[in-house]
Amino acid sequence: MTAVLGNMTSDDLLLHRLEQFRDRVLRRADTASDTPADGKKPGRKLFGEYVPRPSPAQLATRTEARAKVLNAWPDAFARILGPEAANQGTARLFDLFQNATLNKHLAFTLLDAVVRAVVGDAV
């Protein structure tokens, strides 16, 4: 068992897995329905050039996402807190997750927790 775990956490294998993660997930740009004349897809890339999305597309996406989030909460929240308080709380939570700096910090904190759970105290 120790040999299998040691093999799974070897430097070469971890490096390979991180490269796969980078190539498959982090290098994907956000897709949008409209592509500019230069052929570049608008959206952020973690590695590469930043191409801003048009403001109307951002606003439409944000409005649609906000409506979906407000409708996704169970009715139990509305019964316990009241419909107005439940909607206000959901809207505040949605607005909280619109901060790019906080989202990056949350993502790296979660990634750190996952790595520590998988690898243990070796890191």
PDB file of N, CA and C in Angstrom:
ATOM      1  N   MET A   1       0.831  -1.198   0.000  1.00  0.00           N
ATOM      2  CA  MET A   1       0.000   0.000   0.000  1.00  0.00           C
ATOM      3  C   MET A   1       0.870   1.253   0.000  1.00  0.00           C
ATOM      4  N   THR A   2       1.934   1.250   0.776  1.00  0.00           N
ATOM      5  CA  THR A   2       2.820   2.404   0.837  1.00  0.00           C
ATOM      6  C   THR A   2       3.507   2.632  -0.503  1.00  0.00           C
ATOM      7  N   ALA A   3       3.874   1.530  -1.182  1.00  0.00           N
ATOM      8  CA  ALA A   3       4.514   1.659  -2.489  1.00  0.00           C
ATOM      9  C   ALA A   3       3.553   2.253  -3.513  1.00  0.00           C
ATOM     10  N   VAL A   4       2.292   1.841  -3.459  1.00  0.00           N
ATOM     11  CA  VAL A   4       1.294   2.366  -4.396  1.00  0.00           C
ATOM     12  C   VAL A   4       1.078   3.853  -4.147  1.00  0.00           C
ATOM     13  N   LEU A   5       0.936   4.247  -2.882  1.00  0.00           N
ATOM     14  CA  LEU A   5       0.753   5.658  -2.542  1.00  0.00           C
ATOM     15  C   LEU A   5       1.986   6.470  -2.919  1.00  0.00           C
ATOM     16  N   GLY A   6       3.154   5.907  -2.671  1.00  0.00           N
ATOM     17  CA  GLY A   6       4.385   6.603  -3.051  1.00  0.00           C
ATOM     18  C   GLY A   6       4.487   6.780  -4.551  1.00  0.00           C
ATOM     19  N   ASN A   7       4.058   5.772  -5.308  1.00  0.00           N
ATOM     20  CA  ASN A   7       4.078   5.860  -6.758  1.00  0.00           C
ATOM     21  C   ASN A   7       3.074   6.897  -7.257  1.00  0.00           C
ATOM     22  N   MET A   8       1.898   6.959  -6.625  1.00  0.00           N
ATOM     23  CA  MET A   8       0.865   7.917  -7.024  1.00  0.00           C
ATOM     24  C   MET A   8       1.274   9.350  -6.728  1.00  0.00           C
ATOM     25  N   THR A   9       2.135   9.565  -5.755  1.00  0.00           N
ATOM     26  CA  THR A   9       2.548  10.920  -5.386  1.00  0.00           C
ATOM     27  C   THR A   9       3.976  11.209  -5.808  1.00  0.00           C
ATOM     28  N   SER A  10       4.504  10.432  -6.767  1.00  0.00           N
ATOM     29  CA  SER A  10       5.864  10.688  -7.231  1.00  0.00           C
ATOM     30  C   SER A  10       5.915  12.029  -7.949  1.00  0.00           C
ATOM     31  N   ASP A  11       7.093  12.615  -7.972  1.00  0.00           N
ATOM     32  CA  ASP A  11       7.250  13.939  -8.582  1.00  0.00           C
ATOM     33  C   ASP A  11       6.852  13.941 -10.054  1.00  0.00           C
ATOM     34  N   ASP A  12       7.261  12.903 -10.782  1.00  0.00           N
ATOM     35  CA  ASP A  12       6.956  12.851 -12.209  1.00  0.00           C
ATOM     36  C   ASP A  12       5.453  12.765 -12.464  1.00  0.00           C
ATOM     37  N   LEU A  13       4.774  11.934 -11.687  1.00  0.00           N
ATOM     38  CA  LEU A  13       3.337  11.777 -11.875  1.00  0.00           C
ATOM     39  C   LEU A  13       2.586  13.042 -11.478  1.00  0.00           C
ATOM     40  N   LEU A  14       2.960  13.668 -10.367  1.00  0.00           N
ATOM     41  CA  LEU A  14       2.303  14.915  -9.961  1.00  0.00           C
ATOM     42  C   LEU A  14       2.526  16.014 -10.990  1.00  0.00           C
ATOM     43  N   LEU A  15       3.744  16.090 -11.524  1.00  0.00           N
ATOM     44  CA  LEU A  15       4.032  17.085 -12.552  1.00  0.00           C
ATOM     45  C   LEU A  15       3.190  16.824 -13.796  1.00  0.00           C
ATOM     46  N   HIS A  16       3.082  15.573 -14.171  1.00  0.00           N
ATOM     47  CA  HIS A  16       2.262  15.210 -15.332  1.00  0.00           C
ATOM     48  C   HIS A  16       0.803  15.590 -15.107  1.00  0.00           C
ATOM     49  N   ARG A  17       0.267  15.286 -13.934  1.00  0.00           N
ATOM     50  CA  ARG A  17      -1.131  15.612 -13.625  1.00  0.00           C
ATOM     51  C   ARG A  17      -1.366  17.120 -13.595  1.00  0.00           C
ATOM     52  N   LEU A  18      -0.432  17.884 -13.046  1.00  0.00           N
ATOM     53  CA  LEU A  18      -0.571  19.344 -13.027  1.00  0.00           C
ATOM     54  C   LEU A  18      -0.530  19.911 -14.438  1.00  0.00           C
ATOM     55  N   GLU A  19       0.326  19.353 -15.294  1.00  0.00           N
ATOM     56  CA  GLU A  19       0.367  19.808 -16.680  1.00  0.00           C
ATOM     57  C   GLU A  19      -0.940  19.486 -17.400  1.00  0.00           C
ATOM     58  N   GLN A  20      -1.501  18.311 -17.143  1.00  0.00           N
ATOM     59  CA  GLN A  20      -2.796  17.966 -17.733  1.00  0.00           C
ATOM     60  C   GLN A  20      -3.876  18.926 -17.255  1.00  0.00           C
ATOM     61  N   PHE A  21      -3.883  19.223 -15.958  1.00  0.00           N
ATOM     62  CA  PHE A  21      -4.853  20.160 -15.401  1.00  0.00           C
ATOM     63  C   PHE A  21      -4.709  21.520 -16.067  1.00  0.00           C
ATOM     64  N   ARG A  22      -3.485  21.997 -16.179  1.00  0.00           N
ATOM     65  CA  ARG A  22      -3.235  23.298 -16.798  1.00  0.00           C
ATOM     66  C   ARG A  22      -3.722  23.314 -18.239  1.00  0.00           C
ATOM     67  N   ASP A  23      -3.388  22.264 -18.989  1.00  0.00           N
ATOM     68  CA  ASP A  23      -3.738  22.239 -20.403  1.00  0.00           C
ATOM     69  C   ASP A  23      -5.235  22.086 -20.637  1.00  0.00           C
ATOM     70  N   ARG A  24      -5.897  21.293 -19.829  1.00  0.00           N
ATOM     71  CA  ARG A  24      -7.311  21.012 -20.066  1.00  0.00           C
ATOM     72  C   ARG A  24      -8.251  22.028 -19.451  1.00  0.00           C
ATOM     73  N   VAL A  25      -7.891  22.592 -18.310  1.00  0.00           N
ATOM     74  CA  VAL A  25      -8.829  23.460 -17.595  1.00  0.00           C
ATOM     75  C   VAL A  25      -8.420  24.918 -17.658  1.00  0.00           C
ATOM     76  N   LEU A  26      -7.202  25.205 -17.261  1.00  0.00           N
ATOM     77  CA  LEU A  26      -6.822  26.595 -17.074  1.00  0.00           C
ATOM     78  C   LEU A  26      -6.621  27.357 -18.375  1.00  0.00           C
ATOM     79  N   ARG A  27      -6.315  26.677 -19.451  1.00  0.00           N
ATOM     80  CA  ARG A  27      -6.070  27.386 -20.709  1.00  0.00           C
ATOM     81  C   ARG A  27      -7.331  27.595 -21.525  1.00  0.00           C
ATOM     82  N   ARG A  28      -8.456  27.136 -21.037  1.00  0.00           N
ATOM     83  CA  ARG A  28      -9.707  27.344 -21.769  1.00  0.00           C
ATOM     84  C   ARG A  28     -10.208  28.753 -21.534  1.00  0.00           C
ATOM     85  N   ALA A  29     -10.544  29.429 -22.593  1.00  0.00           N
ATOM     86  CA  ALA A  29     -11.134  30.767 -22.470  1.00  0.00           C
ATOM     87  C   ALA A  29     -12.625  30.620 -22.281  1.00  0.00           C
ATOM     88  N   ASP A  30     -13.220  31.606 -21.645  1.00  0.00           N
ATOM     89  CA  ASP A  30     -14.676  31.629 -21.547  1.00  0.00           C
ATOM     90  C   ASP A  30     -15.227  31.757 -22.964  1.00  0.00           C
ATOM     91  N   THR A  31     -16.234  30.994 -23.252  1.00  0.00           N
ATOM     92  CA  THR A  31     -16.803  31.078 -24.587  1.00  0.00           C
ATOM     93  C   THR A  31     -17.912  32.103 -24.589  1.00  0.00           C
ATOM     94  N   ALA A  32     -18.053  32.741 -25.693  1.00  0.00           N
ATOM     95  CA  ALA A  32     -19.123  33.734 -25.858  1.00  0.00           C
ATOM     96  C   ALA A  32     -19.747  33.525 -27.222  1.00  0.00           C
ATOM     97  N   SER A  33     -20.955  34.006 -27.384  1.00  0.00           N
ATOM     98  CA  SER A  33     -21.663  33.778 -28.632  1.00  0.00           C
ATOM     99  C   SER A  33     -21.116  34.627 -29.764  1.00  0.00           C
ATOM    100  N   ASP A  34     -20.521  35.780 -29.453  1.00  0.00           N
ATOM    101  CA  ASP A  34     -20.024  36.645 -30.509  1.00  0.00           C
ATOM    102  C   ASP A  34     -18.498  36.668 -30.500  1.00  0.00           C
ATOM    103  N   THR A  35     -17.911  36.445 -31.660  1.00  0.00           N
ATOM    104  CA  THR A  35     -16.463  36.456 -31.812  1.00  0.00           C
ATOM    105  C   THR A  35     -16.085  37.712 -32.577  1.00  0.00           C
ATOM    106  N   PRO A  36     -15.099  38.479 -32.085  1.00  0.00           N
ATOM    107  CA  PRO A  36     -14.684  39.687 -32.789  1.00  0.00           C
ATOM    108  C   PRO A  36     -14.105  39.370 -34.168  1.00  0.00           C
ATOM    109  N   ALA A  37     -13.905  40.418 -34.985  1.00  0.00           N
ATOM    110  CA  ALA A  37     -13.419  40.254 -36.345  1.00  0.00           C
ATOM    111  C   ALA A  37     -12.021  39.636 -36.389  1.00  0.00           C
ATOM    112  N   ASP A  38     -11.214  39.867 -35.330  1.00  0.00           N
ATOM    113  CA  ASP A  38      -9.851  39.320 -35.340  1.00  0.00           C
ATOM    114  C   ASP A  38      -9.821  37.827 -35.029  1.00  0.00           C
ATOM    115  N   GLY A  39     -10.981  37.222 -34.722  1.00  0.00           N
ATOM    116  CA  GLY A  39     -11.051  35.787 -34.494  1.00  0.00           C
ATOM    117  C   GLY A  39     -10.753  35.356 -33.074  1.00  0.00           C
ATOM    118  N   LYS A  40     -10.366  36.292 -32.207  1.00  0.00           N
ATOM    119  CA  LYS A  40     -10.064  35.938 -30.820  1.00  0.00           C
ATOM    120  C   LYS A  40     -11.349  35.840 -30.032  1.00  0.00           C
ATOM    121  N   LYS A  41     -11.469  34.799 -29.256  1.00  0.00           N
ATOM    122  CA  LYS A  41     -12.655  34.640 -28.415  1.00  0.00           C
ATOM    123  C   LYS A  41     -12.535  35.573 -27.223  1.00  0.00           C
ATOM    124  N   PRO A  42     -13.591  36.323 -26.888  1.00  0.00           N
ATOM    125  CA  PRO A  42     -13.527  37.179 -25.709  1.00  0.00           C
ATOM    126  C   PRO A  42     -13.570  36.352 -24.431  1.00  0.00           C
ATOM    127  N   GLY A  43     -12.977  36.858 -23.390  1.00  0.00           N
ATOM    128  CA  GLY A  43     -12.959  36.179 -22.101  1.00  0.00           C
ATOM    129  C   GLY A  43     -11.565  36.153 -21.525  1.00  0.00           C
ATOM    130  N   ARG A  44     -11.444  35.680 -20.294  1.00  0.00           N
ATOM    131  CA  ARG A  44     -10.145  35.633 -19.627  1.00  0.00           C
ATOM    132  C   ARG A  44      -9.488  34.286 -19.842  1.00  0.00           C
ATOM    133  N   LYS A  45      -8.169  34.317 -19.915  1.00  0.00           N
ATOM    134  CA  LYS A  45      -7.357  33.115 -19.896  1.00  0.00           C
ATOM    135  C   LYS A  45      -6.387  33.280 -18.743  1.00  0.00           C
ATOM    136  N   LEU A  46      -6.175  32.221 -17.998  1.00  0.00           N
ATOM    137  CA  LEU A  46      -5.219  32.313 -16.911  1.00  0.00           C
ATOM    138  C   LEU A  46      -3.816  32.498 -17.467  1.00  0.00           C
ATOM    139  N   PHE A  47      -3.493  31.751 -18.528  1.00  0.00           N
ATOM    140  CA  PHE A  47      -2.209  31.897 -19.196  1.00  0.00           C
ATOM    141  C   PHE A  47      -2.501  32.404 -20.593  1.00  0.00           C
ATOM    142  N   GLY A  48      -1.982  33.535 -20.941  1.00  0.00           N
ATOM    143  CA  GLY A  48      -2.195  34.052 -22.278  1.00  0.00           C
ATOM    144  C   GLY A  48      -2.742  35.465 -22.247  1.00  0.00           C
ATOM    145  N   GLU A  49      -3.149  35.904 -23.406  1.00  0.00           N
ATOM    146  CA  GLU A  49      -3.593  37.271 -23.588  1.00  0.00           C
ATOM    147  C   GLU A  49      -5.022  37.459 -23.091  1.00  0.00           C
ATOM    148  N   TYR A  50      -5.280  38.586 -22.455  1.00  0.00           N
ATOM    149  CA  TYR A  50      -6.618  38.922 -21.977  1.00  0.00           C
ATOM    150  C   TYR A  50      -7.370  39.640 -23.089  1.00  0.00           C
ATOM    151  N   VAL A  51      -8.515  39.112 -23.435  1.00  0.00           N
ATOM    152  CA  VAL A  51      -9.372  39.746 -24.430  1.00  0.00           C
ATOM    153  C   VAL A  51     -10.680  40.067 -23.727  1.00  0.00           C
ATOM    154  N   PRO A  52     -10.964  41.346 -23.472  1.00  0.00           N
ATOM    155  CA  PRO A  52     -12.178  41.685 -22.722  1.00  0.00           C
ATOM    156  C   PRO A  52     -13.444  41.337 -23.497  1.00  0.00           C
ATOM    157  N   ARG A  53     -14.450  40.887 -22.746  1.00  0.00           N
ATOM    158  CA  ARG A  53     -15.753  40.616 -23.337  1.00  0.00           C
ATOM    159  C   ARG A  53     -16.496  41.930 -23.494  1.00  0.00           C
ATOM    160  N   PRO A  54     -17.341  42.036 -24.480  1.00  0.00           N
ATOM    161  CA  PRO A  54     -18.135  43.262 -24.643  1.00  0.00           C
ATOM    162  C   PRO A  54     -19.065  43.456 -23.450  1.00  0.00           C
ATOM    163  N   SER A  55     -19.243  44.702 -23.036  1.00  0.00           N
ATOM    164  CA  SER A  55     -20.075  45.008 -21.876  1.00  0.00           C
ATOM    165  C   SER A  55     -21.512  44.501 -21.990  1.00  0.00           C
ATOM    166  N   PRO A  56     -22.178  44.639 -23.131  1.00  0.00           N
ATOM    167  CA  PRO A  56     -23.546  44.106 -23.205  1.00  0.00           C
ATOM    168  C   PRO A  56     -23.597  42.590 -22.987  1.00  0.00           C
ATOM    169  N   ALA A  57     -22.586  41.868 -23.479  1.00  0.00           N
ATOM    170  CA  ALA A  57     -22.562  40.416 -23.280  1.00  0.00           C
ATOM    171  C   ALA A  57     -22.354  40.086 -21.810  1.00  0.00           C
ATOM    172  N   GLN A  58     -21.474  40.838 -21.152  1.00  0.00           N
ATOM    173  CA  GLN A  58     -21.246  40.625 -19.720  1.00  0.00           C
ATOM    174  C   GLN A  58     -22.512  40.898 -18.928  1.00  0.00           C
ATOM    175  N   LEU A  59     -23.162  41.987 -19.216  1.00  0.00           N
ATOM    176  CA  LEU A  59     -24.364  42.369 -18.478  1.00  0.00           C
ATOM    177  C   LEU A  59     -25.482  41.355 -18.691  1.00  0.00           C
ATOM    178  N   ALA A  60     -25.647  40.887 -19.917  1.00  0.00           N
ATOM    179  CA  ALA A  60     -26.690  39.906 -20.199  1.00  0.00           C
ATOM    180  C   ALA A  60     -26.410  38.590 -19.466  1.00  0.00           C
ATOM    181  N   THR A  61     -25.158  38.160 -19.474  1.00  0.00           N
ATOM    182  CA  THR A  61     -24.789  36.920 -18.791  1.00  0.00           C
ATOM    183  C   THR A  61     -24.984  37.044 -17.289  1.00  0.00           C
ATOM    184  N   ARG A  62     -24.572  38.172 -16.724  1.00  0.00           N
ATOM    185  CA  ARG A  62     -24.723  38.390 -15.286  1.00  0.00           C
ATOM    186  C   ARG A  62     -26.191  38.439 -14.874  1.00  0.00           C
ATOM    187  N   THR A  63     -27.031  39.108 -15.671  1.00  0.00           N
ATOM    188  CA  THR A  63     -28.453  39.187 -15.367  1.00  0.00           C
ATOM    189  C   THR A  63     -29.102  37.807 -15.426  1.00  0.00           C
ATOM    190  N   GLU A  64     -28.742  37.038 -16.445  1.00  0.00           N
ATOM    191  CA  GLU A  64     -29.289  35.683 -16.582  1.00  0.00           C
ATOM    192  C   GLU A  64     -28.834  34.792 -15.419  1.00  0.00           C
ATOM    193  N   ALA A  65     -27.563  34.890 -15.045  1.00  0.00           N
ATOM    194  CA  ALA A  65     -27.044  34.083 -13.937  1.00  0.00           C
ATOM    195  C   ALA A  65     -27.708  34.478 -12.621  1.00  0.00           C
ATOM    196  N   ARG A  66     -27.903  35.768 -12.412  1.00  0.00           N
ATOM    197  CA  ARG A  66     -28.549  36.234 -11.176  1.00  0.00           C
ATOM    198  C   ARG A  66     -29.970  35.690 -11.066  1.00  0.00           C
ATOM    199  N   ALA A  67     -30.705  35.714 -12.179  1.00  0.00           N
ATOM    200  CA  ALA A  67     -32.077  35.189 -12.166  1.00  0.00           C
ATOM    201  C   ALA A  67     -32.082  33.693 -11.869  1.00  0.00           C
ATOM    202  N   LYS A  68     -31.129  32.955 -12.439  1.00  0.00           N
ATOM    203  CA  LYS A  68     -31.059  31.515 -12.179  1.00  0.00           C
ATOM    204  C   LYS A  68     -30.726  31.223 -10.727  1.00  0.00           C
ATOM    205  N   VAL A  69     -29.808  32.011 -10.151  1.00  0.00           N
ATOM    206  CA  VAL A  69     -29.441  31.811  -8.743  1.00  0.00           C
ATOM    207  C   VAL A  69     -30.616  32.109  -7.833  1.00  0.00           C
ATOM    208  N   LEU A  70     -31.341  33.180  -8.102  1.00  0.00           N
ATOM    209  CA  LEU A  70     -32.486  33.541  -7.270  1.00  0.00           C
ATOM    210  C   LEU A  70     -33.577  32.474  -7.321  1.00  0.00           C
ATOM    211  N   ASN A  71     -33.718  31.805  -8.457  1.00  0.00           N
ATOM    212  CA  ASN A  71     -34.740  30.775  -8.596  1.00  0.00           C
ATOM    213  C   ASN A  71     -34.277  29.400  -8.135  1.00  0.00           C
ATOM    214  N   ALA A  72     -32.986  29.238  -7.890  1.00  0.00           N
ATOM    215  CA  ALA A  72     -32.443  27.915  -7.575  1.00  0.00           C
ATOM    216  C   ALA A  72     -32.591  27.538  -6.103  1.00  0.00           C
ATOM    217  N   TRP A  73     -32.742  28.499  -5.205  1.00  0.00           N
ATOM    218  CA  TRP A  73     -32.830  28.191  -3.784  1.00  0.00           C
ATOM    219  C   TRP A  73     -34.150  27.506  -3.457  1.00  0.00           C
ATOM    220  N   PRO A  74     -34.125  26.551  -2.569  1.00  0.00           N
ATOM    221  CA  PRO A  74     -35.362  25.852  -2.197  1.00  0.00           C
ATOM    222  C   PRO A  74     -36.357  26.794  -1.518  1.00  0.00           C
ATOM    223  N   ASP A  75     -37.615  26.407  -1.568  1.00  0.00           N
ATOM    224  CA  ASP A  75     -38.673  27.205  -0.937  1.00  0.00           C
ATOM    225  C   ASP A  75     -38.547  27.230   0.579  1.00  0.00           C
ATOM    226  N   ALA A  76     -37.771  26.309   1.132  1.00  0.00           N
ATOM    227  CA  ALA A  76     -37.601  26.270   2.590  1.00  0.00           C
ATOM    228  C   ALA A  76     -36.964  27.558   3.101  1.00  0.00           C
ATOM    229  N   PHE A  77     -36.026  28.115   2.326  1.00  0.00           N
ATOM    230  CA  PHE A  77     -35.413  29.381   2.751  1.00  0.00           C
ATOM    231  C   PHE A  77     -36.451  30.492   2.812  1.00  0.00           C
ATOM    232  N   ALA A  78     -37.323  30.540   1.819  1.00  0.00           N
ATOM    233  CA  ALA A  78     -38.348  31.575   1.794  1.00  0.00           C
ATOM    234  C   ALA A  78     -39.339  31.383   2.942  1.00  0.00           C
ATOM    235  N   ARG A  79     -39.664  30.134   3.283  1.00  0.00           N
ATOM    236  CA  ARG A  79     -40.584  29.886   4.392  1.00  0.00           C
ATOM    237  C   ARG A  79     -39.960  30.215   5.734  1.00  0.00           C
ATOM    238  N   ILE A  80     -38.672  29.947   5.879  1.00  0.00           N
ATOM    239  CA  ILE A  80     -38.007  30.202   7.161  1.00  0.00           C
ATOM    240  C   ILE A  80     -37.681  31.684   7.321  1.00  0.00           C
ATOM    241  N   LEU A  81     -37.087  32.273   6.296  1.00  0.00           N
ATOM    242  CA  LEU A  81     -36.611  33.657   6.393  1.00  0.00           C
ATOM    243  C   LEU A  81     -37.613  34.683   5.892  1.00  0.00           C
ATOM    244  N   GLY A  82     -38.561  34.245   5.116  1.00  0.00           N
ATOM    245  CA  GLY A  82     -39.468  35.178   4.449  1.00  0.00           C
ATOM    246  C   GLY A  82     -38.968  35.385   3.031  1.00  0.00           C
ATOM    247  N   PRO A  83     -39.852  35.558   2.081  1.00  0.00           N
ATOM    248  CA  PRO A  83     -39.429  35.639   0.680  1.00  0.00           C
ATOM    249  C   PRO A  83     -38.519  36.833   0.378  1.00  0.00           C
ATOM    250  N   GLU A  84     -38.806  37.977   0.990  1.00  0.00           N
ATOM    251  CA  GLU A  84     -37.992  39.162   0.707  1.00  0.00           C
ATOM    252  C   GLU A  84     -36.581  39.010   1.270  1.00  0.00           C
ATOM    253  N   ALA A  85     -36.465  38.528   2.500  1.00  0.00           N
ATOM    254  CA  ALA A  85     -35.150  38.342   3.109  1.00  0.00           C
ATOM    255  C   ALA A  85     -34.358  37.258   2.384  1.00  0.00           C
ATOM    256  N   ALA A  86     -35.026  36.197   1.940  1.00  0.00           N
ATOM    257  CA  ALA A  86     -34.343  35.137   1.207  1.00  0.00           C
ATOM    258  C   ALA A  86     -33.794  35.658  -0.119  1.00  0.00           C
ATOM    259  N   ASN A  87     -34.590  36.463  -0.828  1.00  0.00           N
ATOM    260  CA  ASN A  87     -34.118  37.037  -2.099  1.00  0.00           C
ATOM    261  C   ASN A  87     -32.983  38.019  -1.886  1.00  0.00           C
ATOM    262  N   GLN A  88     -33.078  38.848  -0.838  1.00  0.00           N
ATOM    263  CA  GLN A  88     -32.006  39.809  -0.556  1.00  0.00           C
ATOM    264  C   GLN A  88     -30.711  39.091  -0.184  1.00  0.00           C
ATOM    265  N   GLY A  89     -30.819  38.043   0.633  1.00  0.00           N
ATOM    266  CA  GLY A  89     -29.631  37.287   1.020  1.00  0.00           C
ATOM    267  C   GLY A  89     -28.998  36.578  -0.158  1.00  0.00           C
ATOM    268  N   THR A  90     -29.824  36.023  -1.019  1.00  0.00           N
ATOM    269  CA  THR A  90     -29.312  35.349  -2.213  1.00  0.00           C
ATOM    270  C   THR A  90     -28.632  36.352  -3.141  1.00  0.00           C
ATOM    271  N   ALA A  91     -29.220  37.523  -3.295  1.00  0.00           N
ATOM    272  CA  ALA A  91     -28.628  38.558  -4.146  1.00  0.00           C
ATOM    273  C   ALA A  91     -27.290  39.030  -3.578  1.00  0.00           C
ATOM    274  N   ARG A  92     -27.212  39.184  -2.257  1.00  0.00           N
ATOM    275  CA  ARG A  92     -25.938  39.592  -1.641  1.00  0.00           C
ATOM    276  C   ARG A  92     -24.872  38.528  -1.825  1.00  0.00           C
ATOM    277  N   LEU A  93     -25.267  37.259  -1.702  1.00  0.00           N
ATOM    278  CA  LEU A  93     -24.326  36.160  -1.899  1.00  0.00           C
ATOM    279  C   LEU A  93     -23.851  36.126  -3.351  1.00  0.00           C
ATOM    280  N   PHE A  94     -24.763  36.335  -4.295  1.00  0.00           N
ATOM    281  CA  PHE A  94     -24.387  36.375  -5.708  1.00  0.00           C
ATOM    282  C   PHE A  94     -23.403  37.512  -5.963  1.00  0.00           C
ATOM    283  N   ASP A  95     -23.685  38.691  -5.414  1.00  0.00           N
ATOM    284  CA  ASP A  95     -22.799  39.838  -5.601  1.00  0.00           C
ATOM    285  C   ASP A  95     -21.422  39.592  -4.982  1.00  0.00           C
ATOM    286  N   LEU A  96     -21.384  38.862  -3.886  1.00  0.00           N
ATOM    287  CA  LEU A  96     -20.114  38.544  -3.248  1.00  0.00           C
ATOM    288  C   LEU A  96     -19.210  37.745  -4.171  1.00  0.00           C
ATOM    289  N   PHE A  97     -19.802  36.827  -4.934  1.00  0.00           N
ATOM    290  CA  PHE A  97     -19.009  35.991  -5.824  1.00  0.00           C
ATOM    291  C   PHE A  97     -18.679  36.665  -7.154  1.00  0.00           C
ATOM    292  N   GLN A  98     -18.949  37.943  -7.286  1.00  0.00           N
ATOM    293  CA  GLN A  98     -18.572  38.684  -8.485  1.00  0.00           C
ATOM    294  C   GLN A  98     -17.209  39.349  -8.332  1.00  0.00           C
ATOM    295  N   ASN A  99     -16.576  39.185  -7.176  1.00  0.00           N
ATOM    296  CA  ASN A  99     -15.274  39.789  -6.920  1.00  0.00           C
ATOM    297  C   ASN A  99     -14.172  38.825  -7.377  1.00  0.00           C
ATOM    298  N   ALA A 100     -13.397  39.235  -8.390  1.00  0.00           N
ATOM    299  CA  ALA A 100     -12.379  38.353  -8.969  1.00  0.00           C
ATOM    300  C   ALA A 100     -11.289  37.994  -7.958  1.00  0.00           C
ATOM    301  N   THR A 101     -10.882  38.945  -7.129  1.00  0.00           N
ATOM    302  CA  THR A 101      -9.823  38.679  -6.150  1.00  0.00           C
ATOM    303  C   THR A 101     -10.276  37.648  -5.121  1.00  0.00           C
ATOM    304  N   LEU A 102     -11.494  37.802  -4.620  1.00  0.00           N
ATOM    305  CA  LEU A 102     -12.014  36.825  -3.653  1.00  0.00           C
ATOM    306  C   LEU A 102     -12.190  35.445  -4.287  1.00  0.00           C
ATOM    307  N   ASN A 103     -12.620  35.410  -5.553  1.00  0.00           N
ATOM    308  CA  ASN A 103     -12.785  34.132  -6.239  1.00  0.00           C
ATOM    309  C   ASN A 103     -11.449  33.412  -6.411  1.00  0.00           C
ATOM    310  N   LYS A 104     -10.402  34.155  -6.753  1.00  0.00           N
ATOM    311  CA  LYS A 104      -9.068  33.545  -6.886  1.00  0.00           C
ATOM    312  C   LYS A 104      -8.600  33.004  -5.545  1.00  0.00           C
ATOM    313  N   HIS A 105      -8.797  33.791  -4.496  1.00  0.00           N
ATOM    314  CA  HIS A 105      -8.381  33.348  -3.160  1.00  0.00           C
ATOM    315  C   HIS A 105      -9.146  32.091  -2.747  1.00  0.00           C
ATOM    316  N   LEU A 106     -10.440  32.068  -3.001  1.00  0.00           N
ATOM    317  CA  LEU A 106     -11.252  30.897  -2.684  1.00  0.00           C
ATOM    318  C   LEU A 106     -10.791  29.677  -3.473  1.00  0.00           C
ATOM    319  N   ALA A 107     -10.518  29.855  -4.769  1.00  0.00           N
ATOM    320  CA  ALA A 107     -10.077  28.737  -5.613  1.00  0.00           C
ATOM    321  C   ALA A 107      -8.746  28.177  -5.124  1.00  0.00           C
ATOM    322  N   PHE A 108      -7.798  29.053  -4.791  1.00  0.00           N
ATOM    323  CA  PHE A 108      -6.499  28.572  -4.331  1.00  0.00           C
ATOM    324  C   PHE A 108      -6.590  27.949  -2.940  1.00  0.00           C
ATOM    325  N   THR A 109      -7.469  28.465  -2.097  1.00  0.00           N
ATOM    326  CA  THR A 109      -7.665  27.864  -0.777  1.00  0.00           C
ATOM    327  C   THR A 109      -8.257  26.461  -0.905  1.00  0.00           C
ATOM    328  N   LEU A 110      -9.243  26.304  -1.782  1.00  0.00           N
ATOM    329  CA  LEU A 110      -9.823  24.985  -2.022  1.00  0.00           C
ATOM    330  C   LEU A 110      -8.819  24.029  -2.652  1.00  0.00           C
ATOM    331  N   LEU A 111      -8.025  24.522  -3.607  1.00  0.00           N
ATOM    332  CA  LEU A 111      -6.993  23.690  -4.219  1.00  0.00           C
ATOM    333  C   LEU A 111      -5.974  23.250  -3.180  1.00  0.00           C
ATOM    334  N   ASP A 112      -5.585  24.153  -2.290  1.00  0.00           N
ATOM    335  CA  ASP A 112      -4.648  23.815  -1.215  1.00  0.00           C
ATOM    336  C   ASP A 112      -5.232  22.739  -0.305  1.00  0.00           C
ATOM    337  N   ALA A 113      -6.509  22.856   0.024  1.00  0.00           N
ATOM    338  CA  ALA A 113      -7.158  21.860   0.885  1.00  0.00           C
ATOM    339  C   ALA A 113      -7.219  20.493   0.200  1.00  0.00           C
ATOM    340  N   VAL A 114      -7.502  20.487  -1.097  1.00  0.00           N
ATOM    341  CA  VAL A 114      -7.558  19.222  -1.835  1.00  0.00           C
ATOM    342  C   VAL A 114      -6.176  18.579  -1.901  1.00  0.00           C
ATOM    343  N   VAL A 115      -5.160  19.373  -2.191  1.00  0.00           N
ATOM    344  CA  VAL A 115      -3.791  18.831  -2.269  1.00  0.00           C
ATOM    345  C   VAL A 115      -3.367  18.283  -0.919  1.00  0.00           C
ATOM    346  N   ARG A 116      -3.674  19.006   0.152  1.00  0.00           N
ATOM    347  CA  ARG A 116      -3.316  18.514   1.489  1.00  0.00           C
ATOM    348  C   ARG A 116      -4.077  17.236   1.849  1.00  0.00           C
ATOM    349  N   ALA A 117      -5.323  17.120   1.407  1.00  0.00           N
ATOM    350  CA  ALA A 117      -6.094  15.907   1.691  1.00  0.00           C
ATOM    351  C   ALA A 117      -5.553  14.718   0.899  1.00  0.00           C
ATOM    352  N   VAL A 118      -5.115  14.967  -0.327  1.00  0.00           N
ATOM    353  CA  VAL A 118      -4.611  13.876  -1.176  1.00  0.00           C
ATOM    354  C   VAL A 118      -3.197  13.472  -0.767  1.00  0.00           C
ATOM    355  N   VAL A 119      -2.333  14.459  -0.598  1.00  0.00           N
ATOM    356  CA  VAL A 119      -0.922  14.178  -0.340  1.00  0.00           C
ATOM    357  C   VAL A 119      -0.639  14.034   1.142  1.00  0.00           C
ATOM    358  N   GLY A 120      -1.380  14.749   1.962  1.00  0.00           N
ATOM    359  CA  GLY A 120      -1.159  14.681   3.400  1.00  0.00           C
ATOM    360  C   GLY A 120      -0.161  15.723   3.853  1.00  0.00           C
ATOM    361  N   ASP A 121       0.578  15.398   4.900  1.00  0.00           N
ATOM    362  CA  ASP A 121       1.537  16.348   5.485  1.00  0.00           C
ATOM    363  C   ASP A 121       2.856  16.395   4.767  1.00  0.00           C
ATOM    364  N   ALA A 122       2.981  15.718   3.637  1.00  0.00           N
ATOM    365  CA  ALA A 122       4.242  15.699   2.908  1.00  0.00           C
ATOM    366  C   ALA A 122       4.547  17.057   2.294  1.00  0.00           C
ATOM    367  N   VAL A 123       3.514  17.880   2.087  1.00  0.00           N
ATOM    368  CA  VAL A 123       3.739  19.201   1.493  1.00  0.00           C
ATOM    369  C   VAL A 123       3.961  20.258   2.528  1.00  0.00           C
TER     370      VAL A 123
END
